[in-house]
Amino acid sequence: MAHITGHDRDQILLLPEAVDDYVAGDNPVRFIEAFVEGLDLAALGFVRAMPEATGRPG
């Protein structure tokens, strides 16, 4: 039976430090994110558009 070689267990991170590192600079999702961030969600009827000062929404 042969020895099974695995991955480096001394690696510091499994994933990049930010999910943003996965997305290329010219990816269309950048435009979509900018568009959605510019929307007034409260005016569109979203109840929890503004985050609370602490904690997550109940």
Protein backbone atom coordinates (compact mmCIF):
# COMPACT_ATOMS: atom_id res chain seq x y z
CA MET A 1 0.00 0.00 0.00
CA ALA A 2 1.43 3.40 -0.99
CA HIS A 3 1.62 6.42 1.25
CA ILE A 4 -1.17 8.93 0.55
CA THR A 5 0.15 12.42 -0.05
CA GLY A 6 -2.14 15.21 1.08
CA HIS A 7 -2.22 18.94 0.92
CA ASP A 8 0.02 21.29 2.85
CA ARG A 9 -1.42 21.43 6.37
CA ASP A 10 0.70 24.44 7.26
CA GLN A 11 -1.07 26.76 4.85
CA ILE A 12 -2.46 29.84 6.54
CA LEU A 13 -5.68 30.35 4.57
CA LEU A 14 -8.04 27.99 2.83
CA LEU A 15 -9.70 30.80 0.86
CA PRO A 16 -8.52 34.26 -0.17
CA GLU A 17 -8.78 36.89 2.55
CA ALA A 18 -11.67 38.53 0.71
CA VAL A 19 -14.29 37.10 -1.63
CA ASP A 20 -13.54 40.14 -3.78
CA ASP A 21 -10.26 38.44 -4.71
CA TYR A 22 -12.24 35.84 -6.67
CA VAL A 23 -13.83 38.40 -9.00
CA ALA A 24 -11.88 39.94 -11.87
CA GLY A 25 -11.89 43.71 -12.21
CA ASP A 26 -13.78 43.61 -15.52
CA ASN A 27 -16.43 41.09 -14.38
CA PRO A 28 -20.04 42.29 -14.93
CA VAL A 29 -20.83 41.58 -11.28
CA ARG A 30 -18.87 44.75 -10.43
CA PHE A 31 -21.45 46.81 -12.33
CA ILE A 32 -24.34 44.95 -10.68
CA GLU A 33 -22.89 45.56 -7.22
CA ALA A 34 -22.45 49.28 -7.91
CA PHE A 35 -26.01 49.51 -9.27
CA VAL A 36 -27.58 47.75 -6.28
CA GLU A 37 -25.51 49.79 -3.80
CA GLY A 38 -26.90 52.95 -5.42
CA LEU A 39 -30.53 51.93 -4.93
CA ASP A 40 -32.65 53.44 -2.15
CA LEU A 41 -33.90 50.16 -0.72
CA ALA A 42 -36.17 51.81 1.87
CA ALA A 43 -37.97 53.72 -0.91
CA LEU A 44 -38.44 50.44 -2.77
CA GLY A 45 -40.29 48.95 0.21
CA PHE A 46 -37.58 46.89 1.87
CA VAL A 47 -38.33 46.82 5.60
CA ARG A 48 -34.82 46.20 6.89
CA ALA A 49 -32.91 48.40 4.46
CA MET A 50 -30.92 50.19 7.17
CA PRO A 51 -28.68 47.99 9.37
CA GLU A 52 -28.97 48.18 13.14
CA ALA A 53 -26.16 49.78 15.13
CA THR A 54 -25.21 46.44 16.68
CA GLY A 55 -26.01 42.83 16.00
CA ARG A 56 -27.94 41.37 13.14
CA PRO A 57 -31.55 42.19 12.22
CA GLY A 58 -34.05 40.35 14.42
